[in-house]
PDB file of N, CA and C in Angstrom:
ATOM      1  N   MET A   1      19.273  38.453  17.280  1.00  0.00           N
ATOM      2  CA  MET A   1      20.149  37.757  16.498  1.00  0.00           C
ATOM      3  C   MET A   1      19.527  36.107  16.151  1.00  0.00           C
ATOM      4  N   LYS A   2      18.552  35.715  16.912  1.00  0.00           N
ATOM      5  CA  LYS A   2      17.855  34.306  16.508  1.00  0.00           C
ATOM      6  C   LYS A   2      16.866  34.690  15.575  1.00  0.00           C
ATOM      7  N   LYS A   3      16.331  35.930  15.635  1.00  0.00           N
ATOM      8  CA  LYS A   3      15.160  36.061  14.591  1.00  0.00           C
ATOM      9  C   LYS A   3      15.695  36.275  13.188  1.00  0.00           C
ATOM     10  N   LEU A   4      16.839  37.095  13.106  1.00  0.00           N
ATOM     11  CA  LEU A   4      17.255  37.323  11.805  1.00  0.00           C
ATOM     12  C   LEU A   4      17.892  36.273  11.084  1.00  0.00           C
ATOM     13  N   ILE A   5      18.491  35.145  12.320  1.00  0.00           N
ATOM     14  CA  ILE A   5      19.152  34.249  11.583  1.00  0.00           C
ATOM     15  C   ILE A   5      17.666  32.820  10.640  1.00  0.00           C
ATOM     16  N   ILE A   6      16.932  32.867  11.873  1.00  0.00           N
ATOM     17  CA  ILE A   6      15.786  32.274  11.429  1.00  0.00           C
ATOM     18  C   ILE A   6      14.790  32.619  10.032  1.00  0.00           C
ATOM     19  N   SER A   7      14.750  34.231  10.048  1.00  0.00           N
ATOM     20  CA  SER A   7      14.352  34.918   9.023  1.00  0.00           C
ATOM     21  C   SER A   7      15.039  34.609   7.797  1.00  0.00           C
ATOM     22  N   LEU A   8      16.397  34.561   7.606  1.00  0.00           N
ATOM     23  CA  LEU A   8      17.285  34.343   6.689  1.00  0.00           C
ATOM     24  C   LEU A   8      16.819  32.550   6.196  1.00  0.00           C
ATOM     25  N   LEU A   9      17.239  31.970   6.920  1.00  0.00           N
ATOM     26  CA  LEU A   9      16.727  30.344   6.839  1.00  0.00           C
ATOM     27  C   LEU A   9      15.281  30.487   6.060  1.00  0.00           C
ATOM     28  N   VAL A  10      14.552  31.011   6.451  1.00  0.00           N
ATOM     29  CA  VAL A  10      13.091  31.123   5.960  1.00  0.00           C
ATOM     30  C   VAL A  10      12.861  31.568   4.515  1.00  0.00           C
ATOM     31  N   LEU A  11      13.766  32.715   4.290  1.00  0.00           N
ATOM     32  CA  LEU A  11      13.729  33.520   3.149  1.00  0.00           C
ATOM     33  C   LEU A  11      14.514  32.458   2.100  1.00  0.00           C
ATOM     34  N   ILE A  12      15.706  31.823   2.548  1.00  0.00           N
ATOM     35  CA  ILE A  12      16.424  30.915   1.669  1.00  0.00           C
ATOM     36  C   ILE A  12      15.390  29.804   1.070  1.00  0.00           C
ATOM     37  N   ALA A  13      14.741  29.295   2.068  1.00  0.00           N
ATOM     38  CA  ALA A  13      13.978  27.928   1.552  1.00  0.00           C
ATOM     39  C   ALA A  13      13.129  28.560   0.580  1.00  0.00           C
ATOM     40  N   ASN A  14      12.297  29.795   0.794  1.00  0.00           N
ATOM     41  CA  ASN A  14      11.218  29.846   0.250  1.00  0.00           C
ATOM     42  C   ASN A  14      11.634  30.063  -1.509  1.00  0.00           C
ATOM     43  N   LEU A  15      12.873  30.761  -1.591  1.00  0.00           N
ATOM     44  CA  LEU A  15      13.930  31.139  -2.760  1.00  0.00           C
ATOM     45  C   LEU A  15      14.011  29.876  -3.278  1.00  0.00           C
ATOM     46  N   SER A  16      14.311  28.994  -2.733  1.00  0.00           N
ATOM     47  CA  SER A  16      14.561  27.758  -3.275  1.00  0.00           C
ATOM     48  C   SER A  16      13.623  27.114  -3.775  1.00  0.00           C
ATOM     49  N   TYR A  17      12.791  27.232  -4.112  1.00  0.00           N
ATOM     50  CA  TYR A  17      11.397  26.836  -4.767  1.00  0.00           C
ATOM     51  C   TYR A  17      11.013  27.547  -5.982  1.00  0.00           C
ATOM     52  N   ALA A  18      12.078  28.404  -6.730  1.00  0.00           N
ATOM     53  CA  ALA A  18      12.233  29.049  -7.554  1.00  0.00           C
ATOM     54  C   ALA A  18      11.630  28.180  -8.793  1.00  0.00           C
ATOM     55  N   SER A  19      11.063  28.924  -9.950  1.00  0.00           N
ATOM     56  CA  SER A  19      11.041  28.023 -11.154  1.00  0.00           C
ATOM     57  C   SER A  19      12.038  28.212 -12.146  1.00  0.00           C
ATOM     58  N   PHE A  20      12.509  27.505 -13.093  1.00  0.00           N
ATOM     59  CA  PHE A  20      13.205  27.656 -13.936  1.00  0.00           C
ATOM     60  C   PHE A  20      12.918  27.840 -15.391  1.00  0.00           C
ATOM     61  N   PRO A  21      13.211  28.346 -16.630  1.00  0.00           N
ATOM     62  CA  PRO A  21      12.651  28.491 -17.945  1.00  0.00           C
ATOM     63  C   PRO A  21      13.051  26.887 -18.411  1.00  0.00           C
ATOM     64  N   ILE A  22      12.020  26.628 -19.011  1.00  0.00           N
ATOM     65  CA  ILE A  22      12.028  25.397 -19.625  1.00  0.00           C
ATOM     66  C   ILE A  22      12.186  25.560 -21.116  1.00  0.00           C
ATOM     67  N   ASN A  23      12.645  24.990 -22.184  1.00  0.00           N
ATOM     68  CA  ASN A  23      13.125  24.994 -23.422  1.00  0.00           C
ATOM     69  C   ASN A  23      11.679  24.761 -24.162  1.00  0.00           C
ATOM     70  N   SER A  24      11.184  25.383 -25.019  1.00  0.00           N
ATOM     71  CA  SER A  24       9.676  25.024 -25.365  1.00  0.00           C
ATOM     72  C   SER A  24      10.031  24.200 -26.656  1.00  0.00           C
ATOM     73  N   LEU A  25      11.148  24.094 -27.175  1.00  0.00           N
ATOM     74  CA  LEU A  25      11.361  23.215 -28.238  1.00  0.00           C
ATOM     75  C   LEU A  25      11.001  22.064 -28.236  1.00  0.00           C
ATOM     76  N   SER A  26      11.792  21.348 -26.999  1.00  0.00           N
ATOM     77  CA  SER A  26      11.912  20.221 -26.626  1.00  0.00           C
ATOM     78  C   SER A  26      10.492  19.684 -26.267  1.00  0.00           C
ATOM     79  N   MET A  27       9.423  20.646 -25.829  1.00  0.00           N
ATOM     80  CA  MET A  27       8.064  19.965 -25.401  1.00  0.00           C
ATOM     81  C   MET A  27       7.323  19.779 -26.907  1.00  0.00           C
ATOM     82  N   ASP A  28       7.692  20.165 -28.143  1.00  0.00           N
ATOM     83  CA  ASP A  28       6.842  20.096 -29.233  1.00  0.00           C
ATOM     84  C   ASP A  28       6.910  18.916 -29.777  1.00  0.00           C
ATOM     85  N   THR A  29       8.166  17.912 -29.146  1.00  0.00           N
ATOM     86  CA  THR A  29       7.805  16.616 -30.276  1.00  0.00           C
ATOM     87  C   THR A  29       7.231  15.893 -29.414  1.00  0.00           C
ATOM     88  N   THR A  30       6.461  14.913 -30.454  1.00  0.00           N
ATOM     89  CA  THR A  30       5.607  13.871 -30.074  1.00  0.00           C
ATOM     90  C   THR A  30       5.876  12.774 -30.080  1.00  0.00           C
ATOM     91  N   ILE A  31       5.665  11.549 -29.327  1.00  0.00           N
ATOM     92  CA  ILE A  31       5.770  10.137 -29.564  1.00  0.00           C
ATOM     93  C   ILE A  31       4.890   9.612 -29.998  1.00  0.00           C
ATOM     94  N   ASN A  32       5.563   8.854 -30.967  1.00  0.00           N
ATOM     95  CA  ASN A  32       4.444   7.735 -32.116  1.00  0.00           C
ATOM     96  C   ASN A  32       4.905   6.798 -31.145  1.00  0.00           C
ATOM     97  N   LYS A  33       3.821   6.018 -30.754  1.00  0.00           N
ATOM     98  CA  LYS A  33       3.624   4.566 -30.520  1.00  0.00           C
ATOM     99  C   LYS A  33       3.491   3.729 -31.686  1.00  0.00           C
ATOM    100  N   LYS A  34       4.442   2.499 -31.805  1.00  0.00           N
ATOM    101  CA  LYS A  34       4.112   1.561 -32.617  1.00  0.00           C
ATOM    102  C   LYS A  34       3.290   0.475 -32.150  1.00  0.00           C
ATOM    103  N   SER A  35       2.376  -0.031 -32.572  1.00  0.00           N
ATOM    104  CA  SER A  35       1.437  -0.991 -32.474  1.00  0.00           C
ATOM    105  C   SER A  35       2.028  -2.434 -32.855  1.00  0.00           C
ATOM    106  N   GLU A  36       2.036  -3.397 -32.638  1.00  0.00           N
ATOM    107  CA  GLU A  36       2.455  -4.736 -33.197  1.00  0.00           C
ATOM    108  C   GLU A  36       1.101  -5.523 -32.758  1.00  0.00           C
ATOM    109  N   THR A  37       1.072  -6.809 -33.681  1.00  0.00           N
ATOM    110  CA  THR A  37       0.392  -7.725 -33.717  1.00  0.00           C
ATOM    111  C   THR A  37       0.759  -8.849 -32.485  1.00  0.00           C
ATOM    112  N   LEU A  38      -0.258  -9.748 -32.315  1.00  0.00           N
ATOM    113  CA  LEU A  38       0.002 -10.902 -31.337  1.00  0.00           C
ATOM    114  C   LEU A  38       1.332 -11.708 -31.921  1.00  0.00           C
ATOM    115  N   GLU A  39       0.886 -11.786 -33.349  1.00  0.00           N
ATOM    116  CA  GLU A  39       1.821 -12.681 -33.923  1.00  0.00           C
ATOM    117  C   GLU A  39       3.425 -12.151 -33.937  1.00  0.00           C
ATOM    118  N   GLN A  40       3.289 -10.851 -34.342  1.00  0.00           N
ATOM    119  CA  GLN A  40       4.386 -10.372 -34.550  1.00  0.00           C
ATOM    120  C   GLN A  40       5.537  -9.970 -32.843  1.00  0.00           C
ATOM    121  N   TYR A  41       4.452 -10.455 -32.202  1.00  0.00           N
ATOM    122  CA  TYR A  41       5.085 -10.066 -30.414  1.00  0.00           C
ATOM    123  C   TYR A  41       5.782 -11.384 -30.249  1.00  0.00           C
ATOM    124  N   GLN A  42       4.959 -12.555 -30.695  1.00  0.00           N
ATOM    125  CA  GLN A  42       5.592 -13.848 -30.422  1.00  0.00           C
ATOM    126  C   GLN A  42       6.703 -14.187 -31.015  1.00  0.00           C
ATOM    127  N   LYS A  43       6.979 -13.527 -32.610  1.00  0.00           N
ATOM    128  CA  LYS A  43       7.907 -13.917 -33.241  1.00  0.00           C
ATOM    129  C   LYS A  43       9.135 -12.965 -32.813  1.00  0.00           C
ATOM    130  N   ARG A  44       8.761 -12.095 -32.256  1.00  0.00           N
ATOM    131  CA  ARG A  44      10.003 -11.315 -31.615  1.00  0.00           C
ATOM    132  C   ARG A  44      10.621 -11.700 -30.410  1.00  0.00           C
ATOM    133  N   LEU A  45       9.575 -12.495 -29.523  1.00  0.00           N
ATOM    134  CA  LEU A  45       9.741 -13.418 -28.308  1.00  0.00           C
ATOM    135  C   LEU A  45      10.877 -14.382 -28.731  1.00  0.00           C
ATOM    136  N   ILE A  46      10.664 -15.187 -29.582  1.00  0.00           N
ATOM    137  CA  ILE A  46      11.327 -16.358 -30.434  1.00  0.00           C
ATOM    138  C   ILE A  46      12.773 -15.975 -30.718  1.00  0.00           C
ATOM    139  N   LYS A  47      12.685 -14.406 -31.515  1.00  0.00           N
ATOM    140  CA  LYS A  47      13.858 -14.097 -31.771  1.00  0.00           C
ATOM    141  C   LYS A  47      14.679 -13.558 -30.976  1.00  0.00           C
ATOM    142  N   GLN A  48      14.434 -13.287 -29.736  1.00  0.00           N
ATOM    143  CA  GLN A  48      15.544 -12.625 -28.666  1.00  0.00           C
ATOM    144  C   GLN A  48      15.749 -13.540 -27.651  1.00  0.00           C
ATOM    145  N   GLY A  49      15.006 -15.087 -28.118  1.00  0.00           N
ATOM    146  CA  GLY A  49      15.363 -16.347 -27.406  1.00  0.00           C
ATOM    147  C   GLY A  49      14.783 -16.676 -26.227  1.00  0.00           C
ATOM    148  N   PHE A  50      13.808 -15.931 -25.867  1.00  0.00           N
ATOM    149  CA  PHE A  50      12.785 -16.299 -24.744  1.00  0.00           C
ATOM    150  C   PHE A  50      11.965 -17.316 -24.965  1.00  0.00           C
ATOM    151  N   TYR A  51      11.757 -17.928 -26.181  1.00  0.00           N
ATOM    152  CA  TYR A  51      11.158 -19.094 -26.266  1.00  0.00           C
ATOM    153  C   TYR A  51      11.652 -19.800 -27.536  1.00  0.00           C
ATOM    154  N   ASN A  52      11.301 -21.144 -27.874  1.00  0.00           N
ATOM    155  CA  ASN A  52      12.346 -22.082 -28.786  1.00  0.00           C
ATOM    156  C   ASN A  52      11.279 -22.310 -30.287  1.00  0.00           C
ATOM    157  N   SER A  53       9.751 -22.045 -29.982  1.00  0.00           N
ATOM    158  CA  SER A  53       8.997 -22.445 -30.418  1.00  0.00           C
ATOM    159  C   SER A  53       7.829 -21.713 -30.463  1.00  0.00           C
ATOM    160  N   GLU A  54       6.810 -21.372 -31.253  1.00  0.00           N
ATOM    161  CA  GLU A  54       5.518 -20.992 -31.183  1.00  0.00           C
ATOM    162  C   GLU A  54       4.798 -21.568 -30.187  1.00  0.00           C
ATOM    163  N   ASN A  55       5.021 -23.115 -29.881  1.00  0.00           N
ATOM    164  CA  ASN A  55       4.254 -24.094 -29.130  1.00  0.00           C
ATOM    165  C   ASN A  55       4.796 -24.113 -27.765  1.00  0.00           C
ATOM    166  N   ASP A  56       5.781 -23.815 -27.522  1.00  0.00           N
ATOM    167  CA  ASP A  56       6.414 -23.124 -26.312  1.00  0.00           C
ATOM    168  C   ASP A  56       5.625 -22.236 -25.577  1.00  0.00           C
ATOM    169  N   ILE A  57       5.531 -21.039 -26.314  1.00  0.00           N
ATOM    170  CA  ILE A  57       4.635 -19.817 -26.120  1.00  0.00           C
ATOM    171  C   ILE A  57       3.256 -20.445 -25.538  1.00  0.00           C
ATOM    172  N   LEU A  58       2.674 -21.201 -26.711  1.00  0.00           N
ATOM    173  CA  LEU A  58       0.960 -21.727 -26.299  1.00  0.00           C
ATOM    174  C   LEU A  58       0.901 -22.590 -24.875  1.00  0.00           C
ATOM    175  N   ASN A  59       2.185 -23.455 -25.142  1.00  0.00           N
ATOM    176  CA  ASN A  59       2.116 -24.095 -23.378  1.00  0.00           C
ATOM    177  C   ASN A  59       2.030 -23.300 -22.260  1.00  0.00           C
ATOM    178  N   THR A  60       2.928 -22.282 -22.396  1.00  0.00           N
ATOM    179  CA  THR A  60       3.162 -21.506 -21.135  1.00  0.00           C
ATOM    180  C   THR A  60       1.681 -20.399 -20.988  1.00  0.00           C
ATOM    181  N   LEU A  61       1.087 -20.078 -22.154  1.00  0.00           N
ATOM    182  CA  LEU A  61      -0.084 -19.386 -21.880  1.00  0.00           C
ATOM    183  C   LEU A  61      -1.201 -20.365 -21.167  1.00  0.00           C
ATOM    184  N   THR A  62      -1.303 -21.783 -21.741  1.00  0.00           N
ATOM    185  CA  THR A  62      -2.198 -22.465 -21.306  1.00  0.00           C
ATOM    186  C   THR A  62      -2.129 -22.649 -19.947  1.00  0.00           C
ATOM    187  N   LYS A  63      -0.544 -23.044 -19.426  1.00  0.00           N
ATOM    188  CA  LYS A  63      -0.404 -23.211 -18.210  1.00  0.00           C
ATOM    189  C   LYS A  63      -0.953 -22.126 -17.146  1.00  0.00           C
ATOM    190  N   LYS A  64      -0.660 -21.167 -17.710  1.00  0.00           N
ATOM    191  CA  LYS A  64      -0.911 -19.307 -16.843  1.00  0.00           C
ATOM    192  C   LYS A  64      -2.379 -19.759 -16.701  1.00  0.00           C
ATOM    193  N   ASN A  65      -3.285 -19.786 -17.892  1.00  0.00           N
ATOM    194  CA  ASN A  65      -4.945 -20.043 -17.552  1.00  0.00           C
ATOM    195  C   ASN A  65      -5.226 -21.117 -16.872  1.00  0.00           C
ATOM    196  N   LYS A  66      -4.813 -22.297 -16.562  1.00  0.00           N
ATOM    197  CA  LYS A  66      -4.761 -23.371 -15.745  1.00  0.00           C
ATOM    198  C   LYS A  66      -4.812 -22.950 -14.146  1.00  0.00           C
ATOM    199  N   LYS A  67      -3.541 -22.282 -13.869  1.00  0.00           N
ATOM    200  CA  LYS A  67      -3.428 -21.740 -12.599  1.00  0.00           C
ATOM    201  C   LYS A  67      -4.451 -20.827 -12.224  1.00  0.00           C
ATOM    202  N   SER A  68      -4.738 -19.858 -12.736  1.00  0.00           N
ATOM    203  CA  SER A  68      -5.804 -18.555 -12.596  1.00  0.00           C
ATOM    204  C   SER A  68      -6.932 -19.031 -12.479  1.00  0.00           C
ATOM    205  N   LYS A  69      -7.490 -20.363 -12.923  1.00  0.00           N
ATOM    206  CA  LYS A  69      -8.692 -20.579 -12.470  1.00  0.00           C
ATOM    207  C   LYS A  69      -9.042 -21.333 -11.223  1.00  0.00           C
ATOM    208  N   LYS A  70      -7.982 -21.619 -10.707  1.00  0.00           N
ATOM    209  CA  LYS A  70      -7.862 -22.379  -9.293  1.00  0.00           C
ATOM    210  C   LYS A  70      -8.064 -21.366  -8.120  1.00  0.00           C
ATOM    211  N   SER A  71      -8.810 -21.892  -7.417  1.00  0.00           N
ATOM    212  CA  SER A  71      -9.014 -20.995  -6.150  1.00  0.00           C
ATOM    213  C   SER A  71      -7.759 -20.776  -5.271  1.00  0.00           C
ATOM    214  N   ARG A  72      -7.978 -19.308  -4.736  1.00  0.00           N
ATOM    215  CA  ARG A  72      -6.230 -18.918  -4.041  1.00  0.00           C
ATOM    216  C   ARG A  72      -6.607 -19.181  -2.589  1.00  0.00           C
ATOM    217  N   PHE A  73      -7.939 -19.170  -2.175  1.00  0.00           N
ATOM    218  CA  PHE A  73      -8.224 -19.040  -0.626  1.00  0.00           C
ATOM    219  C   PHE A  73      -8.151 -20.956  -0.149  1.00  0.00           C
ATOM    220  N   LEU A  74      -6.986 -21.176   0.017  1.00  0.00           N
ATOM    221  CA  LEU A  74      -6.920 -22.458   0.694  1.00  0.00           C
ATOM    222  C   LEU A  74      -7.293 -23.708  -0.633  1.00  0.00           C
ATOM    223  N   PRO A  75      -6.741 -23.715  -1.274  1.00  0.00           N
ATOM    224  CA  PRO A  75      -7.043 -24.511  -2.498  1.00  0.00           C
ATOM    225  C   PRO A  75      -7.150 -25.970  -2.474  1.00  0.00           C
ATOM    226  N   SER A  76      -6.560 -26.306  -1.176  1.00  0.00           N
ATOM    227  CA  SER A  76      -6.467 -27.927  -1.374  1.00  0.00           C
ATOM    228  C   SER A  76      -7.512 -28.581   0.053  1.00  0.00           C
ATOM    229  N   TRP A  77      -8.035 -27.600   0.586  1.00  0.00           N
ATOM    230  CA  TRP A  77      -9.199 -27.718   1.270  1.00  0.00           C
ATOM    231  C   TRP A  77     -10.564 -27.993   0.988  1.00  0.00           C
ATOM    232  N   LYS A  78     -11.331 -28.849   2.120  1.00  0.00           N
ATOM    233  CA  LYS A  78     -12.752 -29.040   1.476  1.00  0.00           C
ATOM    234  C   LYS A  78     -13.619 -27.831   1.997  1.00  0.00           C
ATOM    235  N   LEU A  79     -14.587 -27.917   1.555  1.00  0.00           N
ATOM    236  CA  LEU A  79     -15.659 -26.990   2.085  1.00  0.00           C
ATOM    237  C   LEU A  79     -16.043 -26.937   3.475  1.00  0.00           C
ATOM    238  N   TRP A  80     -16.240 -28.413   4.142  1.00  0.00           N
ATOM    239  CA  TRP A  80     -16.355 -28.758   5.360  1.00  0.00           C
ATOM    240  C   TRP A  80     -15.149 -28.469   6.438  1.00  0.00           C
ATOM    241  N   GLN A  81     -14.020 -28.307   5.576  1.00  0.00           N
ATOM    242  CA  GLN A  81     -12.803 -27.944   6.549  1.00  0.00           C
ATOM    243  C   GLN A  81     -12.744 -26.177   6.745  1.00  0.00           C
ATOM    244  N   LYS A  82     -13.128 -25.676   5.439  1.00  0.00           N
ATOM    245  CA  LYS A  82     -12.918 -24.035   5.818  1.00  0.00           C
ATOM    246  C   LYS A  82     -14.144 -23.732   6.423  1.00  0.00           C
ATOM    247  N   ALA A  83     -15.323 -24.209   6.755  1.00  0.00           N
ATOM    248  CA  ALA A  83     -16.492 -24.047   7.624  1.00  0.00           C
ATOM    249  C   ALA A  83     -15.742 -24.434   8.890  1.00  0.00           C
ATOM    250  N   LEU A  84     -15.332 -25.123   9.051  1.00  0.00           N
ATOM    251  CA  LEU A  84     -14.741 -25.549  10.523  1.00  0.00           C
ATOM    252  C   LEU A  84     -13.807 -24.524  10.855  1.00  0.00           C
ATOM    253  N   LEU A  85     -12.781 -23.988  10.400  1.00  0.00           N
ATOM    254  CA  LEU A  85     -12.000 -23.042  10.456  1.00  0.00           C
ATOM    255  C   LEU A  85     -12.665 -21.733  10.972  1.00  0.00           C
ATOM    256  N   ILE A  86     -13.560 -21.814  10.100  1.00  0.00           N
ATOM    257  CA  ILE A  86     -14.327 -20.449  10.145  1.00  0.00           C
ATOM    258  C   ILE A  86     -15.166 -20.544  11.631  1.00  0.00           C
ATOM    259  N   ILE A  87     -15.810 -21.412  12.016  1.00  0.00           N
ATOM    260  CA  ILE A  87     -16.645 -21.635  13.152  1.00  0.00           C
ATOM    261  C   ILE A  87     -15.515 -21.685  14.593  1.00  0.00           C
ATOM    262  N   LEU A  88     -14.320 -22.277  14.245  1.00  0.00           N
ATOM    263  CA  LEU A  88     -13.429 -22.145  15.321  1.00  0.00           C
ATOM    264  C   LEU A  88     -12.775 -20.882  15.707  1.00  0.00           C
ATOM    265  N   CYS A  89     -12.502 -20.082  14.434  1.00  0.00           N
ATOM    266  CA  CYS A  89     -12.011 -18.649  14.735  1.00  0.00           C
ATOM    267  C   CYS A  89     -12.931 -17.653  15.139  1.00  0.00           C
ATOM    268  N   ILE A  90     -14.268 -17.856  15.172  1.00  0.00           N
ATOM    269  CA  ILE A  90     -15.125 -16.847  15.669  1.00  0.00           C
ATOM    270  C   ILE A  90     -14.798 -16.638  17.212  1.00  0.00           C
ATOM    271  N   PRO A  91     -14.821 -17.926  18.347  1.00  0.00           N
ATOM    272  CA  PRO A  91     -14.627 -17.674  19.227  1.00  0.00           C
ATOM    273  C   PRO A  91     -13.077 -17.027  19.911  1.00  0.00           C
ATOM    274  N   ILE A  92     -12.314 -17.257  18.886  1.00  0.00           N
ATOM    275  CA  ILE A  92     -11.220 -16.860  19.412  1.00  0.00           C
ATOM    276  C   ILE A  92     -11.098 -15.562  19.032  1.00  0.00           C
ATOM    277  N   ILE A  93     -11.415 -14.796  17.968  1.00  0.00           N
ATOM    278  CA  ILE A  93     -11.980 -13.292  17.774  1.00  0.00           C
ATOM    279  C   ILE A  93     -12.598 -12.549  18.887  1.00  0.00           C
ATOM    280  N   ILE A  94     -13.656 -13.747  19.165  1.00  0.00           N
ATOM    281  CA  ILE A  94     -14.420 -12.752  20.509  1.00  0.00           C
ATOM    282  C   ILE A  94     -13.366 -12.701  21.875  1.00  0.00           C
ATOM    283  N   ILE A  95     -12.994 -13.716  22.210  1.00  0.00           N
ATOM    284  CA  ILE A  95     -12.279 -13.779  23.409  1.00  0.00           C
ATOM    285  C   ILE A  95     -10.963 -12.469  22.987  1.00  0.00           C
ATOM    286  N   ILE A  96     -10.009 -12.281  21.899  1.00  0.00           N
ATOM    287  CA  ILE A  96      -9.431 -11.296  21.564  1.00  0.00           C
ATOM    288  C   ILE A  96     -10.161 -10.238  21.809  1.00  0.00           C
ATOM    289  N   TYR A  97     -11.231  -9.830  21.510  1.00  0.00           N
ATOM    290  CA  TYR A  97     -11.843  -8.467  21.541  1.00  0.00           C
ATOM    291  C   TYR A  97     -12.443  -8.047  23.162  1.00  0.00           C
ATOM    292  N   TYR A  98     -12.580  -9.408  23.726  1.00  0.00           N
ATOM    293  CA  TYR A  98     -13.026  -8.908  25.410  1.00  0.00           C
ATOM    294  C   TYR A  98     -11.639  -8.712  25.898  1.00  0.00           C
ATOM    295  N   ILE A  99     -10.544  -9.178  25.505  1.00  0.00           N
ATOM    296  CA  ILE A  99      -9.335  -9.019  25.901  1.00  0.00           C
ATOM    297  C   ILE A  99      -8.729  -7.392  26.077  1.00  0.00           C
ATOM    298  N   ILE A 100      -8.747  -7.070  24.760  1.00  0.00           N
ATOM    299  CA  ILE A 100      -8.467  -5.811  24.068  1.00  0.00           C
ATOM    300  C   ILE A 100      -9.653  -4.591  24.741  1.00  0.00           C
ATOM    301  N   PHE A 101     -10.744  -5.054  24.536  1.00  0.00           N
ATOM    302  CA  PHE A 101     -11.723  -4.037  25.323  1.00  0.00           C
ATOM    303  C   PHE A 101     -12.792  -4.763  26.245  1.00  0.00           C
ATOM    304  N   PRO A 102     -12.219  -4.756  27.516  1.00  0.00           N
ATOM    305  CA  PRO A 102     -12.923  -5.588  28.627  1.00  0.00           C
ATOM    306  C   PRO A 102     -14.041  -4.782  29.004  1.00  0.00           C
ATOM    307  N   PRO A 103     -15.231  -5.562  29.177  1.00  0.00           N
ATOM    308  CA  PRO A 103     -16.267  -4.707  29.735  1.00  0.00           C
ATOM    309  C   PRO A 103     -16.193  -4.383  31.090  1.00  0.00           C
ATOM    310  N   SER A 104     -16.935  -2.952  31.467  1.00  0.00           N
ATOM    311  CA  SER A 104     -16.777  -2.483  32.684  1.00  0.00           C
ATOM    312  C   SER A 104     -17.798  -3.007  33.593  1.00  0.00           C
ATOM    313  N   ILE A 105     -17.200  -3.761  34.562  1.00  0.00           N
ATOM    314  CA  ILE A 105     -18.004  -4.120  35.893  1.00  0.00           C
ATOM    315  C   ILE A 105     -17.698  -3.507  37.234  1.00  0.00           C
ATOM    316  N   SER A 106     -18.722  -3.231  37.900  1.00  0.00           N
ATOM    317  CA  SER A 106     -18.764  -2.399  39.026  1.00  0.00           C
ATOM    318  C   SER A 106     -19.513  -2.820  39.899  1.00  0.00           C
ATOM    319  N   PHE A 107     -19.004  -3.143  41.174  1.00  0.00           N
ATOM    320  CA  PHE A 107     -19.636  -3.597  42.287  1.00  0.00           C
ATOM    321  C   PHE A 107     -19.758  -2.586  43.330  1.00  0.00           C
ATOM    322  N   SER A 108     -21.092  -2.019  44.213  1.00  0.00           N
ATOM    323  CA  SER A 108     -20.467  -1.200  45.140  1.00  0.00           C
ATOM    324  C   SER A 108     -21.204  -2.104  46.367  1.00  0.00           C
ATOM    325  N   LEU A 109     -20.489  -2.155  47.422  1.00  0.00           N
ATOM    326  CA  LEU A 109     -20.965  -2.787  48.797  1.00  0.00           C
ATOM    327  C   LEU A 109     -20.991  -1.675  49.848  1.00  0.00           C
ATOM    328  N   ASP A 110     -22.069  -1.361  50.031  1.00  0.00           N
ATOM    329  CA  ASP A 110     -22.166  -0.400  51.517  1.00  0.00           C
ATOM    330  C   ASP A 110     -22.505  -1.151  52.993  1.00  0.00           C
ATOM    331  N   ALA A 111     -22.196  -0.721  53.633  1.00  0.00           N
ATOM    332  CA  ALA A 111     -22.370  -1.281  55.116  1.00  0.00           C
ATOM    333  C   ALA A 111     -23.838  -1.590  55.330  1.00  0.00           C
ATOM    334  N   ASN A 112     -24.691  -1.154  54.589  1.00  0.00           N
ATOM    335  CA  ASN A 112     -26.134  -1.438  54.948  1.00  0.00           C
ATOM    336  C   ASN A 112     -26.478  -2.592  54.237  1.00  0.00           C
ATOM    337  N   ASP A 113     -25.686  -2.934  53.673  1.00  0.00           N
ATOM    338  CA  ASP A 113     -26.194  -4.441  52.922  1.00  0.00           C
ATOM    339  C   ASP A 113     -25.630  -5.402  53.785  1.00  0.00           C
ATOM    340  N   PHE A 114     -24.733  -5.531  54.571  1.00  0.00           N
ATOM    341  CA  PHE A 114     -24.571  -6.627  55.449  1.00  0.00           C
ATOM    342  C   PHE A 114     -25.121  -6.298  56.873  1.00  0.00           C
ATOM    343  N   ASN A 115     -25.755  -5.269  57.302  1.00  0.00           N
ATOM    344  CA  ASN A 115     -26.412  -5.252  58.408  1.00  0.00           C
ATOM    345  C   ASN A 115     -27.969  -5.219  58.301  1.00  0.00           C
ATOM    346  N   ARG A 116     -28.261  -6.097  57.632  1.00  0.00           N
ATOM    347  CA  ARG A 116     -29.718  -6.629  57.330  1.00  0.00           C
ATOM    348  C   ARG A 116     -30.495  -7.422  58.863  1.00  0.00           C
ATOM    349  N   HIS A 117     -31.280  -7.083  59.391  1.00  0.00           N
ATOM    350  CA  HIS A 117     -31.876  -7.992  60.341  1.00  0.00           C
ATOM    351  C   HIS A 117     -33.182  -8.531  59.935  1.00  0.00           C
TER     352      HIS A 117
END
């Protein structure tokens, strides 16, 4: 009975992946992309109310360019501060490494080592 139920479930699962016919008429349509110039794009943004004038668009573009030129890694830190941070982090990383992967140290003490005359 268990084998019959399992085989029915497997059969139903395999039949659920059946493909269905697709209307071939809808696949024949092509999508035409309209390209617009930068001026048309800016005029459309002003018309939609994102900006008040072309000067606003230029101001936001120059602000974005100024921000992208700055360093993203600790921008207000000086070079010696960054070097000091790296030098201090290396021992911490080494200590963490030896905590996670401790070295194997083994000592063997025999009775003969203590009974030397």
